[in-house]
Amino acid sequence: ATHANPDTGERDARVLTALTRDLGLSEPTLGRLLLLSGVGGTIRVGD
């Protein structure tokens, strides 16, 4: 799904290949899953 332009739906970028072949990752990873560890709250831009 990361290959698709969010406005047009056209596949226009080889994101998975860039992550693995070009950046040398063993899997096409980008980002971290973060789970809430307690009570929620407000997050603001610039925090």
ModelCIF file with pLDDT and N, C-alpha, C, O atoms, coordinates in Angstrom:
data_MODEL
#
_entry.id   MODEL 
#
_entity.id                         1 
_entity.type                       polymer 
_entity.pdbx_number_of_molecules   1 
#
_entity_poly.entity_id                      1 
_entity_poly.type                           'polypeptide(L)' 
_entity_poly.nstd_linkage                   no 
_entity_poly.nstd_monomer                   no 
_entity_poly.pdbx_seq_one_letter_code       ATHANPDTGERDARVLTALTRDLGLSEPTLGRLLLLSGVGGTIRVGD 
_entity_poly.pdbx_seq_one_letter_code_can   ATHANPDTGERDARVLTALTRDLGLSEPTLGRLLLLSGVGGTIRVGD 
_entity_poly.pdbx_strand_id                 A 
#
loop_
_entity_poly_seq.entity_id 
_entity_poly_seq.num 
_entity_poly_seq.mon_id 
_entity_poly_seq.hetero 
1 1  ALA n 
1 2  THR n 
1 3  HIS n 
1 4  ALA n 
1 5  ASN n 
1 6  PRO n 
1 7  ASP n 
1 8  THR n 
1 9  GLY n 
1 10 GLU n 
1 11 ARG n 
1 12 ASP n 
1 13 ALA n 
1 14 ARG n 
1 15 VAL n 
1 16 LEU n 
1 17 THR n 
1 18 ALA n 
1 19 LEU n 
1 20 THR n 
1 21 ARG n 
1 22 ASP n 
1 23 LEU n 
1 24 GLY n 
1 25 LEU n 
1 26 SER n 
1 27 GLU n 
1 28 PRO n 
1 29 THR n 
1 30 LEU n 
1 31 GLY n 
1 32 ARG n 
1 33 LEU n 
1 34 LEU n 
1 35 LEU n 
1 36 LEU n 
1 37 SER n 
1 38 GLY n 
1 39 VAL n 
1 40 GLY n 
1 41 GLY n 
1 42 THR n 
1 43 ILE n 
1 44 ARG n 
1 45 VAL n 
1 46 GLY n 
1 47 ASP n 
#
_struct_asym.id          A 
_struct_asym.entity_id   1 
#
loop_
_ma_qa_metric.id 
_ma_qa_metric.mode 
_ma_qa_metric.name 
_ma_qa_metric.software_group_id 
_ma_qa_metric.type 
1 global pLDDT . pLDDT 
2 local  pLDDT . pLDDT 
#
_ma_qa_metric_global.metric_id      1 
_ma_qa_metric_global.metric_value   94.06 
_ma_qa_metric_global.model_id       1 
_ma_qa_metric_global.ordinal_id     1 
#
loop_
_ma_qa_metric_local.label_asym_id 
_ma_qa_metric_local.label_comp_id 
_ma_qa_metric_local.label_seq_id 
_ma_qa_metric_local.metric_id 
_ma_qa_metric_local.metric_value 
_ma_qa_metric_local.model_id 
_ma_qa_metric_local.ordinal_id 
A ALA 1  2 95.00 1 1  
A THR 2  2 96.00 1 2  
A HIS 3  2 96.00 1 3  
A ALA 4  2 96.00 1 4  
A ASN 5  2 96.00 1 5  
A PRO 6  2 95.00 1 6  
A ASP 7  2 96.00 1 7  
A THR 8  2 96.00 1 8  
A GLY 9  2 95.00 1 9  
A GLU 10 2 96.00 1 10 
A ARG 11 2 96.00 1 11 
A ASP 12 2 95.00 1 12 
A ALA 13 2 95.00 1 13 
A ARG 14 2 95.00 1 14 
A VAL 15 2 96.00 1 15 
A LEU 16 2 96.00 1 16 
A THR 17 2 95.00 1 17 
A ALA 18 2 95.00 1 18 
A LEU 19 2 95.00 1 19 
A THR 20 2 95.00 1 20 
A ARG 21 2 94.00 1 21 
A ASP 22 2 93.00 1 22 
A LEU 23 2 93.00 1 23 
A GLY 24 2 93.00 1 24 
A LEU 25 2 93.00 1 25 
A SER 26 2 94.00 1 26 
A GLU 27 2 95.00 1 27 
A PRO 28 2 96.00 1 28 
A THR 29 2 94.00 1 29 
A LEU 30 2 93.00 1 30 
A GLY 31 2 93.00 1 31 
A ARG 32 2 93.00 1 32 
A LEU 33 2 94.00 1 33 
A LEU 34 2 94.00 1 34 
A LEU 35 2 94.00 1 35 
A LEU 36 2 95.00 1 36 
A SER 37 2 93.00 1 37 
A GLY 38 2 86.00 1 38 
A VAL 39 2 81.00 1 39 
A GLY 40 2 87.00 1 40 
A GLY 41 2 92.00 1 41 
A THR 42 2 94.00 1 42 
A ILE 43 2 95.00 1 43 
A ARG 44 2 96.00 1 44 
A VAL 45 2 95.00 1 45 
A GLY 46 2 95.00 1 46 
A ASP 47 2 96.00 1 47 
#
loop_
_atom_site.group_PDB 
_atom_site.id 
_atom_site.type_symbol 
_atom_site.label_atom_id 
_atom_site.label_alt_id 
_atom_site.label_comp_id 
_atom_site.label_asym_id 
_atom_site.label_entity_id 
_atom_site.label_seq_id 
_atom_site.pdbx_PDB_ins_code 
_atom_site.Cartn_x 
_atom_site.Cartn_y 
_atom_site.Cartn_z 
_atom_site.occupancy 
_atom_site.B_iso_or_equiv 
_atom_site.pdbx_formal_charge 
_atom_site.auth_seq_id 
_atom_site.auth_comp_id 
_atom_site.auth_asym_id 
_atom_site.auth_atom_id 
_atom_site.pdbx_PDB_model_num 
ATOM 1   N N  . ALA A 1 1  ? 0.831  -1.211 0.000  1.00 95.00 ? 1  ALA A N  1 
ATOM 2   C CA . ALA A 1 1  ? 0.000  0.000  0.000  1.00 95.00 ? 1  ALA A CA 1 
ATOM 3   C C  . ALA A 1 1  ? 0.864  1.259  0.000  1.00 95.00 ? 1  ALA A C  1 
ATOM 4   O O  . ALA A 1 1  ? 0.422  2.308  -0.469 1.00 95.00 ? 1  ALA A O  1 
ATOM 5   N N  . THR A 1 2  ? 2.079  1.169  0.515  1.00 96.00 ? 2  THR A N  1 
ATOM 6   C CA . THR A 1 2  ? 2.964  2.336  0.543  1.00 96.00 ? 2  THR A CA 1 
ATOM 7   C C  . THR A 1 2  ? 3.433  2.748  -0.847 1.00 96.00 ? 2  THR A C  1 
ATOM 8   O O  . THR A 1 2  ? 3.929  3.860  -1.029 1.00 96.00 ? 2  THR A O  1 
ATOM 9   N N  . HIS A 1 3  ? 3.283  1.866  -1.824 1.00 96.00 ? 3  HIS A N  1 
ATOM 10  C CA . HIS A 1 3  ? 3.668  2.187  -3.205 1.00 96.00 ? 3  HIS A CA 1 
ATOM 11  C C  . HIS A 1 3  ? 2.660  3.114  -3.874 1.00 96.00 ? 3  HIS A C  1 
ATOM 12  O O  . HIS A 1 3  ? 2.981  3.748  -4.880 1.00 96.00 ? 3  HIS A O  1 
ATOM 13  N N  . ALA A 1 4  ? 1.439  3.203  -3.328 1.00 96.00 ? 4  ALA A N  1 
ATOM 14  C CA . ALA A 1 4  ? 0.358  3.943  -3.975 1.00 96.00 ? 4  ALA A CA 1 
ATOM 15  C C  . ALA A 1 4  ? 0.298  5.398  -3.517 1.00 96.00 ? 4  ALA A C  1 
ATOM 16  O O  . ALA A 1 4  ? 0.375  5.694  -2.325 1.00 96.00 ? 4  ALA A O  1 
ATOM 17  N N  . ASN A 1 5  ? 0.159  6.289  -4.482 1.00 96.00 ? 5  ASN A N  1 
ATOM 18  C CA . ASN A 1 5  ? -0.039 7.703  -4.212 1.00 96.00 ? 5  ASN A CA 1 
ATOM 19  C C  . ASN A 1 5  ? -1.374 7.862  -3.481 1.00 96.00 ? 5  ASN A C  1 
ATOM 20  O O  . ASN A 1 5  ? -2.395 7.388  -3.979 1.00 96.00 ? 5  ASN A O  1 
ATOM 21  N N  . PRO A 1 6  ? -1.394 8.521  -2.302 1.00 95.00 ? 6  PRO A N  1 
ATOM 22  C CA . PRO A 1 6  ? -2.640 8.617  -1.542 1.00 95.00 ? 6  PRO A CA 1 
ATOM 23  C C  . PRO A 1 6  ? -3.721 9.472  -2.210 1.00 95.00 ? 6  PRO A C  1 
ATOM 24  O O  . PRO A 1 6  ? -4.892 9.372  -1.845 1.00 95.00 ? 6  PRO A O  1 
ATOM 25  N N  . ASP A 1 7  ? -3.352 10.296 -3.166 1.00 96.00 ? 7  ASP A N  1 
ATOM 26  C CA . ASP A 1 7  ? -4.344 11.123 -3.868 1.00 96.00 ? 7  ASP A CA 1 
ATOM 27  C C  . ASP A 1 7  ? -4.923 10.432 -5.097 1.00 96.00 ? 7  ASP A C  1 
ATOM 28  O O  . ASP A 1 7  ? -6.111 10.570 -5.389 1.00 96.00 ? 7  ASP A O  1 
ATOM 29  N N  . THR A 1 8  ? -4.082 9.686  -5.816 1.00 96.00 ? 8  THR A N  1 
ATOM 30  C CA . THR A 1 8  ? -4.516 9.106  -7.093 1.00 96.00 ? 8  THR A CA 1 
ATOM 31  C C  . THR A 1 8  ? -4.705 7.596  -7.054 1.00 96.00 ? 8  THR A C  1 
ATOM 32  O O  . THR A 1 8  ? -5.401 7.036  -7.900 1.00 96.00 ? 8  THR A O  1 
ATOM 33  N N  . GLY A 1 9  ? -4.088 6.931  -6.075 1.00 95.00 ? 9  GLY A N  1 
ATOM 34  C CA . GLY A 1 9  ? -4.128 5.473  -6.019 1.00 95.00 ? 9  GLY A CA 1 
ATOM 35  C C  . GLY A 1 9  ? -3.125 4.810  -6.949 1.00 95.00 ? 9  GLY A C  1 
ATOM 36  O O  . GLY A 1 9  ? -2.973 3.589  -6.930 1.00 95.00 ? 9  GLY A O  1 
ATOM 37  N N  . GLU A 1 10 ? -2.439 5.606  -7.765 1.00 96.00 ? 10 GLU A N  1 
ATOM 38  C CA . GLU A 1 10 ? -1.448 5.080  -8.704 1.00 96.00 ? 10 GLU A CA 1 
ATOM 39  C C  . GLU A 1 10 ? -0.209 4.601  -7.953 1.00 96.00 ? 10 GLU A C  1 
ATOM 40  O O  . GLU A 1 10 ? 0.278  5.279  -7.048 1.00 96.00 ? 10 GLU A O  1 
ATOM 41  N N  . ARG A 1 11 ? 0.293  3.434  -8.332 1.00 96.00 ? 11 ARG A N  1 
ATOM 42  C CA . ARG A 1 11 ? 1.554  2.954  -7.748 1.00 96.00 ? 11 ARG A CA 1 
ATOM 43  C C  . ARG A 1 11 ? 2.695  3.676  -8.444 1.00 96.00 ? 11 ARG A C  1 
ATOM 44  O O  . ARG A 1 11 ? 2.976  3.438  -9.619 1.00 96.00 ? 11 ARG A O  1 
ATOM 45  N N  . ASP A 1 12 ? 3.342  4.554  -7.705 1.00 95.00 ? 12 ASP A N  1 
ATOM 46  C CA . ASP A 1 12 ? 4.354  5.414  -8.323 1.00 95.00 ? 12 ASP A CA 1 
ATOM 47  C C  . ASP A 1 12 ? 5.670  5.466  -7.563 1.00 95.00 ? 12 ASP A C  1 
ATOM 48  O O  . ASP A 1 12 ? 6.555  6.241  -7.925 1.00 95.00 ? 12 ASP A O  1 
ATOM 49  N N  . ALA A 1 13 ? 5.820  4.655  -6.514 1.00 95.00 ? 13 ALA A N  1 
ATOM 50  C CA . ALA A 1 13 ? 7.073  4.656  -5.754 1.00 95.00 ? 13 ALA A CA 1 
ATOM 51  C C  . ALA A 1 13 ? 7.341  3.248  -5.221 1.00 95.00 ? 13 ALA A C  1 
ATOM 52  O O  . ALA A 1 13 ? 6.455  2.611  -4.652 1.00 95.00 ? 13 ALA A O  1 
ATOM 53  N N  . ARG A 1 14 ? 8.555  2.779  -5.410 1.00 95.00 ? 14 ARG A N  1 
ATOM 54  C CA . ARG A 1 14 ? 8.928  1.435  -4.950 1.00 95.00 ? 14 ARG A CA 1 
ATOM 55  C C  . ARG A 1 14 ? 9.503  1.519  -3.534 1.00 95.00 ? 14 ARG A C  1 
ATOM 56  O O  . ARG A 1 14 ? 10.702 1.345  -3.317 1.00 95.00 ? 14 ARG A O  1 
ATOM 57  N N  . VAL A 1 15 ? 8.619  1.787  -2.591 1.00 96.00 ? 15 VAL A N  1 
ATOM 58  C CA . VAL A 1 15 ? 9.012  2.027  -1.204 1.00 96.00 ? 15 VAL A CA 1 
ATOM 59  C C  . VAL A 1 15 ? 9.658  0.792  -0.577 1.00 96.00 ? 15 VAL A C  1 
ATOM 60  O O  . VAL A 1 15 ? 10.699 0.909  0.069  1.00 96.00 ? 15 VAL A O  1 
ATOM 61  N N  . LEU A 1 16 ? 9.064  -0.379 -0.754 1.00 96.00 ? 16 LEU A N  1 
ATOM 62  C CA . LEU A 1 16 ? 9.601  -1.588 -0.115 1.00 96.00 ? 16 LEU A CA 1 
ATOM 63  C C  . LEU A 1 16 ? 11.003 -1.904 -0.625 1.00 96.00 ? 16 LEU A C  1 
ATOM 64  O O  . LEU A 1 16 ? 11.876 -2.290 0.153  1.00 96.00 ? 16 LEU A O  1 
ATOM 65  N N  . THR A 1 17 ? 11.215 -1.744 -1.902 1.00 95.00 ? 17 THR A N  1 
ATOM 66  C CA . THR A 1 17 ? 12.541 -1.965 -2.488 1.00 95.00 ? 17 THR A CA 1 
ATOM 67  C C  . THR A 1 17 ? 13.537 -0.951 -1.945 1.00 95.00 ? 17 THR A C  1 
ATOM 68  O O  . THR A 1 17 ? 14.674 -1.304 -1.636 1.00 95.00 ? 17 THR A O  1 
ATOM 69  N N  . ALA A 1 18 ? 13.124 0.294  -1.827 1.00 95.00 ? 18 ALA A N  1 
ATOM 70  C CA . ALA A 1 18 ? 14.023 1.324  -1.295 1.00 95.00 ? 18 ALA A CA 1 
ATOM 71  C C  . ALA A 1 18 ? 14.414 1.006  0.144  1.00 95.00 ? 18 ALA A C  1 
ATOM 72  O O  . ALA A 1 18 ? 15.567 1.195  0.531  1.00 95.00 ? 18 ALA A O  1 
ATOM 73  N N  . LEU A 1 19 ? 13.464 0.526  0.933  1.00 95.00 ? 19 LEU A N  1 
ATOM 74  C CA . LEU A 1 19 ? 13.760 0.213  2.332  1.00 95.00 ? 19 LEU A CA 1 
ATOM 75  C C  . LEU A 1 19 ? 14.697 -0.981 2.466  1.00 95.00 ? 19 LEU A C  1 
ATOM 76  O O  . LEU A 1 19 ? 15.588 -0.975 3.315  1.00 95.00 ? 19 LEU A O  1 
ATOM 77  N N  . THR A 1 20 ? 14.505 -2.000 1.640  1.00 95.00 ? 20 THR A N  1 
ATOM 78  C CA . THR A 1 20 ? 15.321 -3.208 1.781  1.00 95.00 ? 20 THR A CA 1 
ATOM 79  C C  . THR A 1 20 ? 16.605 -3.142 0.965  1.00 95.00 ? 20 THR A C  1 
ATOM 80  O O  . THR A 1 20 ? 17.696 -3.226 1.529  1.00 95.00 ? 20 THR A O  1 
ATOM 81  N N  . ARG A 1 21 ? 16.497 -2.996 -0.320 1.00 94.00 ? 21 ARG A N  1 
ATOM 82  C CA . ARG A 1 21 ? 17.693 -3.015 -1.175 1.00 94.00 ? 21 ARG A CA 1 
ATOM 83  C C  . ARG A 1 21 ? 18.546 -1.763 -0.982 1.00 94.00 ? 21 ARG A C  1 
ATOM 84  O O  . ARG A 1 21 ? 19.754 -1.856 -0.763 1.00 94.00 ? 21 ARG A O  1 
ATOM 85  N N  . ASP A 1 22 ? 17.915 -0.598 -1.063 1.00 93.00 ? 22 ASP A N  1 
ATOM 86  C CA . ASP A 1 22 ? 18.683 0.647  -1.045 1.00 93.00 ? 22 ASP A CA 1 
ATOM 87  C C  . ASP A 1 22 ? 19.152 1.045  0.353  1.00 93.00 ? 22 ASP A C  1 
ATOM 88  O O  . ASP A 1 22 ? 20.260 1.560  0.507  1.00 93.00 ? 22 ASP A O  1 
ATOM 89  N N  . LEU A 1 23 ? 18.317 0.812  1.382  1.00 93.00 ? 23 LEU A N  1 
ATOM 90  C CA . LEU A 1 23 ? 18.696 1.202  2.736  1.00 93.00 ? 23 LEU A CA 1 
ATOM 91  C C  . LEU A 1 23 ? 19.232 0.034  3.554  1.00 93.00 ? 23 LEU A C  1 
ATOM 92  O O  . LEU A 1 23 ? 19.681 0.226  4.684  1.00 93.00 ? 23 LEU A O  1 
ATOM 93  N N  . GLY A 1 24 ? 19.191 -1.178 2.995  1.00 93.00 ? 24 GLY A N  1 
ATOM 94  C CA . GLY A 1 24 ? 19.828 -2.332 3.621  1.00 93.00 ? 24 GLY A CA 1 
ATOM 95  C C  . GLY A 1 24 ? 19.081 -2.958 4.787  1.00 93.00 ? 24 GLY A C  1 
ATOM 96  O O  . GLY A 1 24 ? 19.682 -3.681 5.581  1.00 93.00 ? 24 GLY A O  1 
ATOM 97  N N  . LEU A 1 25 ? 17.780 -2.695 4.907  1.00 93.00 ? 25 LEU A N  1 
ATOM 98  C CA . LEU A 1 25 ? 17.017 -3.324 5.985  1.00 93.00 ? 25 LEU A CA 1 
ATOM 99  C C  . LEU A 1 25 ? 16.679 -4.762 5.606  1.00 93.00 ? 25 LEU A C  1 
ATOM 100 O O  . LEU A 1 25 ? 16.458 -5.062 4.433  1.00 93.00 ? 25 LEU A O  1 
ATOM 101 N N  . SER A 1 26 ? 16.638 -5.655 6.602  1.00 94.00 ? 26 SER A N  1 
ATOM 102 C CA . SER A 1 26 ? 16.297 -7.047 6.307  1.00 94.00 ? 26 SER A CA 1 
ATOM 103 C C  . SER A 1 26 ? 14.808 -7.208 6.001  1.00 94.00 ? 26 SER A C  1 
ATOM 104 O O  . SER A 1 26 ? 14.417 -8.134 5.289  1.00 94.00 ? 26 SER A O  1 
ATOM 105 N N  . GLU A 1 27 ? 13.983 -6.315 6.533  1.00 95.00 ? 27 GLU A N  1 
ATOM 106 C CA . GLU A 1 27 ? 12.548 -6.264 6.243  1.00 95.00 ? 27 GLU A CA 1 
ATOM 107 C C  . GLU A 1 27 ? 12.183 -4.819 5.923  1.00 95.00 ? 27 GLU A C  1 
ATOM 108 O O  . GLU A 1 27 ? 12.876 -3.904 6.368  1.00 95.00 ? 27 GLU A O  1 
ATOM 109 N N  . PRO A 1 28 ? 11.115 -4.590 5.165  1.00 96.00 ? 28 PRO A N  1 
ATOM 110 C CA . PRO A 1 28 ? 10.733 -3.216 4.826  1.00 96.00 ? 28 PRO A CA 1 
ATOM 111 C C  . PRO A 1 28 ? 10.035 -2.526 5.998  1.00 96.00 ? 28 PRO A C  1 
ATOM 112 O O  . PRO A 1 28 ? 8.811  -2.389 6.009  1.00 96.00 ? 28 PRO A O  1 
ATOM 113 N N  . THR A 1 29 ? 10.821 -2.094 6.980  1.00 94.00 ? 29 THR A N  1 
ATOM 114 C CA . THR A 1 29 ? 10.258 -1.477 8.176  1.00 94.00 ? 29 THR A CA 1 
ATOM 115 C C  . THR A 1 29 ? 10.442 0.034  8.144  1.00 94.00 ? 29 THR A C  1 
ATOM 116 O O  . THR A 1 29 ? 11.444 0.554  7.652  1.00 94.00 ? 29 THR A O  1 
ATOM 117 N N  . LEU A 1 30 ? 9.441  0.717  8.685  1.00 93.00 ? 30 LEU A N  1 
ATOM 118 C CA . LEU A 1 30 ? 9.519  2.164  8.857  1.00 93.00 ? 30 LEU A CA 1 
ATOM 119 C C  . LEU A 1 30 ? 8.555  2.509  9.975  1.00 93.00 ? 30 LEU A C  1 
ATOM 120 O O  . LEU A 1 30 ? 7.344  2.346  9.826  1.00 93.00 ? 30 LEU A O  1 
ATOM 121 N N  . GLY A 1 31 ? 9.081  2.983  11.088 1.00 93.00 ? 31 GLY A N  1 
ATOM 122 C CA . GLY A 1 31 ? 8.244  3.336  12.222 1.00 93.00 ? 31 GLY A CA 1 
ATOM 123 C C  . GLY A 1 31 ? 8.274  2.276  13.295 1.00 93.00 ? 31 GLY A C  1 
ATOM 124 O O  . GLY A 1 31 ? 8.817  1.185  13.119 1.00 93.00 ? 31 GLY A O  1 
ATOM 125 N N  . ARG A 1 32 ? 7.672  2.631  14.411 1.00 93.00 ? 32 ARG A N  1 
ATOM 126 C CA . ARG A 1 32 ? 7.661  1.763  15.587 1.00 93.00 ? 32 ARG A CA 1 
ATOM 127 C C  . ARG A 1 32 ? 6.247  1.689  16.134 1.00 93.00 ? 32 ARG A C  1 
ATOM 128 O O  . ARG A 1 32 ? 5.574  2.713  16.250 1.00 93.00 ? 32 ARG A O  1 
ATOM 129 N N  . LEU A 1 33 ? 5.791  0.500  16.469 1.00 94.00 ? 33 LEU A N  1 
ATOM 130 C CA . LEU A 1 33 ? 4.504  0.343  17.122 1.00 94.00 ? 33 LEU A CA 1 
ATOM 131 C C  . LEU A 1 33 ? 4.664  0.733  18.585 1.00 94.00 ? 33 LEU A C  1 
ATOM 132 O O  . LEU A 1 33 ? 5.445  0.120  19.311 1.00 94.00 ? 33 LEU A O  1 
ATOM 133 N N  . LEU A 1 34 ? 3.930  1.748  19.016 1.00 94.00 ? 34 LEU A N  1 
ATOM 134 C CA . LEU A 1 34 ? 3.943  2.193  20.405 1.00 94.00 ? 34 LEU A CA 1 
ATOM 135 C C  . LEU A 1 34 ? 2.575  1.949  21.003 1.00 94.00 ? 34 LEU A C  1 
ATOM 136 O O  . LEU A 1 34 ? 1.568  2.399  20.457 1.00 94.00 ? 34 LEU A O  1 
ATOM 137 N N  . LEU A 1 35 ? 2.526  1.240  22.119 1.00 94.00 ? 35 LEU A N  1 
ATOM 138 C CA . LEU A 1 35 ? 1.275  0.968  22.807 1.00 94.00 ? 35 LEU A CA 1 
ATOM 139 C C  . LEU A 1 35 ? 1.214  1.779  24.090 1.00 94.00 ? 35 LEU A C  1 
ATOM 140 O O  . LEU A 1 35 ? 2.207  1.894  24.809 1.00 94.00 ? 35 LEU A O  1 
ATOM 141 N N  . LEU A 1 36 ? 0.069  2.330  24.370 1.00 95.00 ? 36 LEU A N  1 
ATOM 142 C CA . LEU A 1 36 ? -0.144 3.123  25.566 1.00 95.00 ? 36 LEU A CA 1 
ATOM 143 C C  . LEU A 1 36 ? 0.184  2.288  26.791 1.00 95.00 ? 36 LEU A C  1 
ATOM 144 O O  . LEU A 1 36 ? -0.287 1.157  26.908 1.00 95.00 ? 36 LEU A O  1 
ATOM 145 N N  . SER A 1 37 ? 0.988  2.827  27.714 1.00 93.00 ? 37 SER A N  1 
ATOM 146 C CA . SER A 1 37 ? 1.395  2.048  28.884 1.00 93.00 ? 37 SER A CA 1 
ATOM 147 C C  . SER A 1 37 ? 0.631  2.428  30.143 1.00 93.00 ? 37 SER A C  1 
ATOM 148 O O  . SER A 1 37 ? 0.880  1.859  31.206 1.00 93.00 ? 37 SER A O  1 
ATOM 149 N N  . GLY A 1 38 ? -0.267 3.349  30.051 1.00 86.00 ? 38 GLY A N  1 
ATOM 150 C CA . GLY A 1 38 ? -1.042 3.767  31.221 1.00 86.00 ? 38 GLY A CA 1 
ATOM 151 C C  . GLY A 1 38 ? -2.210 4.610  30.771 1.00 86.00 ? 38 GLY A C  1 
ATOM 152 O O  . GLY A 1 38 ? -2.875 4.317  29.778 1.00 86.00 ? 38 GLY A O  1 
ATOM 153 N N  . VAL A 1 39 ? -2.438 5.654  31.523 1.00 81.00 ? 39 VAL A N  1 
ATOM 154 C CA . VAL A 1 39 ? -3.538 6.565  31.208 1.00 81.00 ? 39 VAL A CA 1 
ATOM 155 C C  . VAL A 1 39 ? -3.160 7.416  30.009 1.00 81.00 ? 39 VAL A C  1 
ATOM 156 O O  . VAL A 1 39 ? -2.016 7.855  29.885 1.00 81.00 ? 39 VAL A O  1 
ATOM 157 N N  . GLY A 1 40 ? -4.116 7.647  29.134 1.00 87.00 ? 40 GLY A N  1 
ATOM 158 C CA . GLY A 1 40 ? -3.874 8.470  27.954 1.00 87.00 ? 40 GLY A CA 1 
ATOM 159 C C  . GLY A 1 40 ? -3.745 9.940  28.307 1.00 87.00 ? 40 GLY A C  1 
ATOM 160 O O  . GLY A 1 40 ? -3.698 10.307 29.481 1.00 87.00 ? 40 GLY A O  1 
ATOM 161 N N  . GLY A 1 41 ? -3.690 10.751 27.311 1.00 92.00 ? 41 GLY A N  1 
ATOM 162 C CA . GLY A 1 41 ? -3.558 12.180 27.515 1.00 92.00 ? 41 GLY A CA 1 
ATOM 163 C C  . GLY A 1 41 ? -3.541 12.882 26.178 1.00 92.00 ? 41 GLY A C  1 
ATOM 164 O O  . GLY A 1 41 ? -3.931 12.317 25.156 1.00 92.00 ? 41 GLY A O  1 
ATOM 165 N N  . THR A 1 42 ? -3.089 14.105 26.196 1.00 94.00 ? 42 THR A N  1 
ATOM 166 C CA . THR A 1 42 ? -3.038 14.908 24.988 1.00 94.00 ? 42 THR A CA 1 
ATOM 167 C C  . THR A 1 42 ? -1.601 15.033 24.514 1.00 94.00 ? 42 THR A C  1 
ATOM 168 O O  . THR A 1 42 ? -0.696 15.315 25.299 1.00 94.00 ? 42 THR A O  1 
ATOM 169 N N  . ILE A 1 43 ? -1.406 14.823 23.232 1.00 95.00 ? 43 ILE A N  1 
ATOM 170 C CA . ILE A 1 43 ? -0.109 15.043 22.594 1.00 95.00 ? 43 ILE A CA 1 
ATOM 171 C C  . ILE A 1 43 ? -0.279 16.226 21.661 1.00 95.00 ? 43 ILE A C  1 
ATOM 172 O O  . ILE A 1 43 ? -1.235 16.287 20.888 1.00 95.00 ? 43 ILE A O  1 
ATOM 173 N N  . ARG A 1 44 ? 0.651  17.165 21.737 1.00 96.00 ? 44 ARG A N  1 
ATOM 174 C CA . ARG A 1 44 ? 0.577  18.359 20.912 1.00 96.00 ? 44 ARG A CA 1 
ATOM 175 C C  . ARG A 1 44 ? 1.789  18.453 19.986 1.00 96.00 ? 44 ARG A C  1 
ATOM 176 O O  . ARG A 1 44 ? 2.866  17.942 20.296 1.00 96.00 ? 44 ARG A O  1 
ATOM 177 N N  . VAL A 1 45 ? 1.597  19.105 18.861 1.00 95.00 ? 45 VAL A N  1 
ATOM 178 C CA . VAL A 1 45 ? 2.711  19.371 17.957 1.00 95.00 ? 45 VAL A CA 1 
ATOM 179 C C  . VAL A 1 45 ? 3.788  20.107 18.750 1.00 95.00 ? 45 VAL A C  1 
ATOM 180 O O  . VAL A 1 45 ? 3.503  21.085 19.440 1.00 95.00 ? 45 VAL A O  1 
ATOM 181 N N  . GLY A 1 46 ? 5.013  19.633 18.646 1.00 95.00 ? 46 GLY A N  1 
ATOM 182 C CA . GLY A 1 46 ? 6.132  20.255 19.346 1.00 95.00 ? 46 GLY A CA 1 
ATOM 183 C C  . GLY A 1 46 ? 6.450  19.640 20.693 1.00 95.00 ? 46 GLY A C  1 
ATOM 184 O O  . GLY A 1 46 ? 7.448  20.013 21.311 1.00 95.00 ? 46 GLY A O  1 
ATOM 185 N N  . ASP A 1 47 ? 5.621  18.693 21.179 1.00 96.00 ? 47 ASP A N  1 
ATOM 186 C CA . ASP A 1 47 ? 5.916  18.035 22.447 1.00 96.00 ? 47 ASP A CA 1 
ATOM 187 C C  . ASP A 1 47 ? 7.246  17.293 22.364 1.00 96.00 ? 47 ASP A C  1 
ATOM 188 O O  . ASP A 1 47 ? 7.669  16.673 23.339 1.00 96.00 ? 47 ASP A O  1 
#
